[in-house]
């Protein structure tokens, strides 16, 4: 009898130890629907970034096999500008980021052709362009000046769907998707656009299925997400990103989406946007998580 009681206590303690502890931030309100996605050309949105040159508008792109185009949307999800990136293909575009680049006075878009479902591709490609300014002169733009950053992970080929750029250091970061735990890879600035660069594995993260993320434009906050959760960190002024991510994350009260992969901070820090790919029989909405006063 004593052994049975002891065994029961051990089993209960083990279950409690494995239970997921949720630590929810009160920084943001619950997600509010801004608009329903009805554009059939945007059924596979897998990345989103808040425009800096066009405040209040959002850049998005589609997933693998679609056109090599990025789209500037308003908050009704209407397309204001379609930009075609000349000379490249959408092999497996998975994320997009906006941040600094070679000219400190300009903003740059980074498009991550970084997906690899089967873990077989040696090289990933990050396409960098100066962020266009929408001047209402026309609905389309051919971008002929496209720089390619060719990236190779330092261990082995694997699927990555998250691209981050640190606005303080200009370093690029990739997060693996299909591992448990996932890993964070770093490409230190400056990075060549002529020869392949190596992304160094710098840490493991105790989560899986990571599909998107973003730095706030001031570099003080970081989010990454999978299909079920949005993880949030605050950063001290000179803190390296790996030190930030070593601390326990907070969670944002995430509204589940059919296949939510796209997330970005608002350009002015007022909140967060999320958007999903279209799932079978499911409606898709642009959500905004407003920062609390």
Protein backbone atom coordinates (compact mmCIF):
# COMPACT_ATOMS: atom_id res chain seq x y z
CA UNK A 1 0.00 0.00 0.00
CA UNK A 2 2.79 2.46 0.91
CA UNK A 3 4.50 1.72 -2.43
CA UNK A 4 1.24 2.32 -4.32
CA UNK A 5 0.76 5.69 -2.61
CA UNK A 6 4.38 6.65 -3.32
CA UNK A 7 4.05 5.68 -6.99
CA UNK A 8 0.85 7.71 -7.34
CA UNK A 9 2.58 10.78 -5.88
CA UNK A 10 5.49 10.38 -8.28
CA UNK A 11 3.17 10.04 -11.28
CA UNK A 12 1.13 13.07 -10.27
CA UNK A 13 4.28 15.13 -9.72
CA UNK A 14 5.58 14.06 -13.11
CA UNK A 15 2.37 15.14 -14.83
CA UNK A 16 2.42 18.48 -13.05
CA UNK A 17 6.05 18.95 -14.05
CA UNK A 18 5.18 18.44 -17.70
CA UNK A 19 2.15 20.73 -17.65
CA UNK A 20 2.61 23.81 -19.80
CA UNK A 21 2.75 26.96 -17.70
CA UNK A 22 1.16 29.91 -19.50
CA UNK A 23 2.58 33.36 -18.75
CA UNK A 24 0.37 35.89 -20.53
CA UNK A 25 1.46 39.47 -21.10
CA UNK A 26 -0.95 42.32 -20.41
CA UNK A 27 0.89 44.53 -22.92
CA UNK A 28 -1.70 44.03 -25.69
CA UNK A 29 -5.44 43.78 -26.03
CA UNK A 30 -7.08 40.72 -27.55
CA UNK A 31 -6.95 40.61 -31.34
CA UNK A 32 -9.64 42.60 -33.16
CA UNK A 33 -10.76 41.89 -36.72
CA UNK A 34 -9.98 44.74 -39.09
CA UNK A 35 -10.96 43.22 -42.43
CA UNK A 36 -11.82 39.93 -44.12
CA UNK A 37 -9.50 38.67 -46.84
CA UNK A 38 -11.47 38.30 -50.08
CA UNK A 39 -8.73 38.72 -52.70
CA UNK A 40 -8.22 35.30 -54.30
CA UNK A 41 -4.71 36.29 -55.37
CA UNK A 42 -3.68 36.44 -51.70
CA UNK A 43 -4.75 33.01 -50.53
CA UNK A 44 -1.28 31.93 -49.41
CA UNK A 45 0.08 34.91 -47.47
CA UNK A 46 3.01 33.60 -45.42
CA UNK A 47 4.83 36.82 -44.49
CA UNK A 48 3.93 40.39 -43.54
CA UNK A 49 5.85 43.55 -42.60
CA UNK A 50 4.68 47.03 -41.62
CA UNK A 51 5.75 49.67 -44.12
CA UNK A 52 8.02 52.46 -42.95
CA UNK A 53 7.84 54.61 -46.09
CA UNK A 54 4.06 54.19 -46.34
CA UNK A 55 2.80 54.48 -42.73
CA UNK A 56 -0.28 52.40 -41.93
CA UNK A 57 0.18 50.08 -44.92
CA UNK A 58 1.45 46.49 -44.90
CA UNK A 59 3.71 44.48 -47.20
CA UNK A 60 2.80 40.82 -47.81
CA UNK A 61 3.78 38.01 -50.14
CA UNK A 62 2.51 34.57 -51.08
CA UNK A 63 4.03 31.16 -50.40
CA UNK A 64 5.91 28.75 -52.68
CA UNK A 65 5.22 28.57 -56.39
CA UNK A 66 3.46 31.93 -56.67
CA UNK A 67 4.70 35.00 -58.51
CA UNK A 68 7.83 36.85 -57.37
CA UNK A 69 5.68 39.73 -56.13
CA UNK A 70 5.14 41.66 -52.93
CA UNK A 71 1.91 43.53 -52.28
CA UNK A 72 1.27 46.75 -50.39
CA UNK A 73 -2.09 46.52 -48.58
CA UNK A 74 -4.21 48.92 -46.63
CA UNK A 75 -6.01 47.84 -43.49
CA UNK A 76 -9.05 46.81 -45.53
CA UNK A 77 -6.72 44.32 -47.27
CA UNK A 78 -7.05 46.17 -50.57
CA UNK A 79 -3.93 46.06 -52.77
CA UNK A 80 -2.46 49.52 -53.34
CA UNK A 81 0.73 48.47 -55.10
CA UNK A 82 2.07 45.26 -56.62
CA UNK A 83 5.87 45.06 -56.94
CA UNK A 84 7.50 42.45 -59.15
CA UNK A 85 11.07 41.52 -58.20
CA UNK A 86 12.91 41.16 -61.48
CA UNK A 87 15.22 38.22 -62.12
CA UNK A 88 14.19 36.04 -59.17
CA UNK A 89 11.60 33.35 -58.51
CA UNK A 90 9.35 32.45 -55.62
CA UNK A 91 10.87 29.09 -54.85
CA UNK A 92 9.55 29.07 -51.28
CA UNK A 93 9.05 32.59 -49.91
CA UNK A 94 8.21 32.29 -46.22
CA UNK A 95 8.79 35.64 -44.50
CA UNK A 96 9.47 39.34 -45.08
CA UNK A 97 11.09 41.98 -42.90
CA UNK A 98 11.82 45.71 -43.06
CA UNK A 99 14.93 47.19 -41.54
CA UNK A 100 18.18 49.06 -42.09
CA UNK A 101 20.68 48.33 -44.83
CA UNK A 102 23.75 49.72 -46.60
CA UNK A 103 22.47 53.31 -46.61
CA UNK A 104 21.59 54.42 -43.08
CA UNK A 105 19.11 56.95 -44.39
CA UNK A 106 16.92 54.41 -46.18
CA UNK A 107 14.58 51.54 -45.32
CA UNK A 108 15.00 48.13 -46.94
CA UNK A 109 12.72 45.16 -47.56
CA UNK A 110 14.13 41.67 -47.02
CA UNK A 111 12.21 38.82 -48.66
CA UNK A 112 13.09 35.37 -47.35
CA UNK A 113 13.15 32.54 -49.89
CA UNK A 114 14.04 30.32 -46.95
CA UNK A 115 11.52 27.47 -46.90
CA UNK A 116 12.63 23.89 -47.39
CA UNK A 117 9.94 21.37 -46.47
CA UNK A 118 12.12 18.36 -47.27
CA UNK A 119 15.37 19.72 -45.81
CA UNK A 120 17.34 19.27 -49.03
CA UNK A 121 18.39 22.72 -50.25
CA UNK A 122 21.91 23.81 -49.43
CA UNK A 123 21.26 27.49 -50.08
CA UNK A 124 18.55 29.90 -49.01
CA UNK A 125 18.08 33.33 -50.58
CA UNK A 126 17.21 36.65 -48.98
CA UNK A 127 16.29 39.34 -51.52
CA UNK A 128 16.95 42.93 -50.49
CA UNK A 129 15.39 45.99 -52.13
CA UNK A 130 14.94 49.60 -51.11
CA UNK A 131 11.43 50.01 -49.82
CA UNK A 132 9.27 51.61 -52.55
CA UNK A 133 7.15 54.67 -51.86
CA UNK A 134 3.57 54.44 -53.07
CA UNK A 135 2.75 57.75 -54.74
CA UNK A 136 -0.59 56.68 -56.25
CA UNK A 137 0.88 56.99 -59.76
CA UNK A 138 0.05 53.42 -60.67
CA UNK A 139 -0.88 50.00 -59.26
CA UNK A 140 2.29 48.15 -60.35
CA UNK A 141 6.04 48.57 -60.13
CA UNK A 142 8.88 46.51 -61.59
CA UNK A 143 11.79 46.44 -59.14
CA UNK A 144 14.95 45.88 -61.17
CA UNK A 145 17.51 46.56 -58.43
CA UNK A 146 17.39 43.38 -56.34
CA UNK A 147 20.32 42.24 -54.21
CA UNK A 148 20.60 38.56 -53.29
CA UNK A 149 22.05 37.38 -49.99
CA UNK A 150 22.79 33.66 -50.35
CA UNK A 151 22.67 31.89 -46.99
CA UNK A 152 23.87 28.45 -45.90
CA UNK A 153 23.09 27.02 -42.46
CA UNK A 154 26.22 25.90 -40.64
CA UNK A 155 24.96 22.43 -39.72
CA UNK A 156 22.65 20.94 -42.37
CA UNK A 157 19.80 21.92 -44.70
CA UNK A 158 16.47 22.32 -42.93
CA UNK A 159 13.15 24.12 -43.21
CA UNK A 160 13.03 27.72 -41.95
CA UNK A 161 10.00 30.01 -42.15
CA UNK A 162 11.03 32.93 -39.95
CA UNK A 163 13.26 35.82 -41.00
CA UNK A 164 14.23 38.62 -38.59
CA UNK A 165 16.45 41.67 -38.94
CA UNK A 166 17.76 43.38 -35.83
CA UNK A 167 17.34 47.14 -36.37
CA UNK A 168 20.21 47.87 -33.98
CA UNK A 169 22.90 45.60 -35.49
CA UNK A 170 21.52 44.82 -39.00
CA UNK A 171 22.15 41.13 -38.23
CA UNK A 172 19.80 38.67 -39.92
CA UNK A 173 18.22 35.75 -38.04
CA UNK A 174 16.53 32.55 -39.21
CA UNK A 175 14.54 30.16 -37.02
CA UNK A 176 14.12 26.50 -37.94
CA UNK A 177 10.60 25.13 -38.07
CA UNK A 178 10.33 21.35 -37.85
CA UNK A 179 12.63 20.62 -34.90
CA UNK A 180 11.79 20.33 -31.23
CA UNK A 181 13.45 22.42 -29.96
CA UNK A 182 13.92 24.81 -32.87
CA UNK A 183 17.21 26.68 -33.40
CA UNK A 184 18.13 30.30 -34.00
CA UNK A 185 20.71 31.08 -36.71
CA UNK A 186 22.61 34.36 -37.07
CA UNK A 187 24.10 36.09 -40.11
CA UNK A 188 26.27 38.94 -38.87
CA UNK A 189 26.35 42.27 -40.71
CA UNK A 190 27.93 43.12 -43.09
CA UNK A 191 26.93 40.22 -45.34
CA UNK A 192 28.06 39.71 -48.89
CA UNK A 193 25.73 39.85 -51.88
CA UNK A 194 28.41 38.21 -54.07
CA UNK A 195 29.37 35.04 -52.22
CA UNK A 196 27.39 32.72 -49.90
CA UNK A 197 27.36 33.62 -46.21
CA UNK A 198 27.07 31.21 -43.30
CA UNK A 199 24.24 31.38 -40.77
CA UNK A 200 25.67 30.23 -37.42
CA UNK A 201 23.49 28.26 -35.03
CA UNK A 202 23.63 30.24 -31.79
CA UNK A 203 20.92 28.74 -29.55
CA UNK A 204 17.99 26.36 -29.14
CA UNK A 205 14.49 27.59 -28.34
CA UNK A 206 12.14 25.29 -26.36
CA UNK A 207 9.30 25.33 -28.89
CA UNK A 208 8.43 23.95 -32.31
CA UNK A 209 6.64 24.70 -35.60
CA UNK A 210 7.85 28.33 -35.63
CA UNK A 211 6.43 30.09 -38.71
CA UNK A 212 6.98 33.84 -38.29
CA UNK A 213 8.41 36.64 -36.21
CA UNK A 214 9.42 40.28 -36.04
CA UNK A 215 11.45 42.91 -34.21
CA UNK A 216 9.73 46.13 -33.28
CA UNK A 217 11.16 49.00 -35.35
CA UNK A 218 13.01 50.40 -32.34
CA UNK A 219 14.49 46.98 -31.55
CA UNK A 220 13.03 46.91 -28.02
CA UNK A 221 10.64 43.99 -28.58
CA UNK A 222 10.62 40.61 -30.32
CA UNK A 223 7.81 38.22 -31.24
CA UNK A 224 7.86 34.79 -32.81
CA UNK A 225 4.89 32.53 -33.42
CA UNK A 226 3.77 29.05 -34.32
CA UNK A 227 0.27 27.99 -35.29
CA UNK A 228 -0.98 28.04 -31.70
CA UNK A 229 0.95 30.68 -29.77
CA UNK A 230 2.59 34.10 -30.08
CA UNK A 231 5.69 34.46 -27.88
CA UNK A 232 6.80 37.92 -26.77
CA UNK A 233 9.99 39.34 -25.22
CA UNK A 234 11.11 42.79 -24.08
CA UNK A 235 14.73 43.76 -24.61
CA UNK A 236 17.15 45.93 -22.68
CA UNK A 237 19.04 48.61 -24.56
CA UNK A 238 22.32 46.79 -25.34
CA UNK A 239 21.12 43.21 -24.82
CA UNK A 240 22.15 40.64 -27.49
CA UNK A 241 19.17 38.83 -28.96
CA UNK A 242 20.33 35.43 -27.68
CA UNK A 243 20.30 36.80 -24.12
CA UNK A 244 16.78 38.10 -24.67
CA UNK A 245 15.48 34.77 -25.95
CA UNK A 246 17.10 32.85 -23.09
CA UNK A 247 14.63 34.47 -20.71
CA UNK A 248 11.09 33.15 -20.31
CA UNK A 249 8.75 34.45 -22.96
CA UNK A 250 5.36 35.99 -22.34
CA UNK A 251 2.39 34.97 -24.45
CA UNK A 252 -0.01 37.24 -26.31
CA UNK A 253 -3.66 36.20 -26.22
CA UNK A 254 -3.64 34.87 -29.75
CA UNK A 255 -6.83 34.42 -31.78
CA UNK A 256 -6.39 31.08 -33.56
CA UNK A 257 -6.27 31.35 -37.35
CA UNK A 258 -6.71 28.66 -40.04
CA UNK A 259 -2.98 28.68 -40.89
CA UNK A 260 -1.55 31.80 -39.30
CA UNK A 261 2.04 32.40 -40.41
CA UNK A 262 2.33 36.19 -40.84
CA UNK A 263 2.98 38.62 -37.98
CA UNK A 264 4.41 42.13 -37.70
CA UNK A 265 4.64 45.02 -35.27
CA UNK A 266 2.88 48.21 -36.36
CA UNK A 267 5.41 50.75 -37.67
CA UNK A 268 4.63 53.13 -34.81
CA UNK A 269 4.65 50.46 -32.09
CA UNK A 270 0.91 50.77 -31.45
CA UNK A 271 0.31 47.03 -31.68
CA UNK A 272 0.69 43.84 -33.71
CA UNK A 273 -0.91 42.53 -36.90
CA UNK A 274 -1.47 38.89 -37.86
CA UNK A 275 -2.77 37.34 -41.08
CA UNK A 276 -3.32 33.75 -42.17
CA UNK A 277 -3.24 31.66 -45.28
CA UNK A 278 -6.70 30.60 -46.41
CA UNK A 279 -7.77 27.23 -44.99
CA UNK A 280 -10.48 24.93 -46.22
CA UNK A 281 -13.87 26.40 -45.43
CA UNK A 282 -12.40 29.03 -43.11
CA UNK A 283 -12.63 32.78 -43.35
CA UNK A 284 -9.42 34.78 -42.95
CA UNK A 285 -9.15 38.17 -41.24
CA UNK A 286 -6.50 40.78 -40.60
CA UNK A 287 -6.19 41.00 -36.81
CA UNK A 288 -4.79 43.88 -34.81
CA UNK A 289 -3.59 43.48 -31.22
CA UNK A 290 -3.62 47.03 -29.89
CA UNK A 291 -1.12 47.99 -27.23
CA UNK A 292 -2.81 48.88 -23.97
CA UNK A 293 -2.50 52.49 -22.77
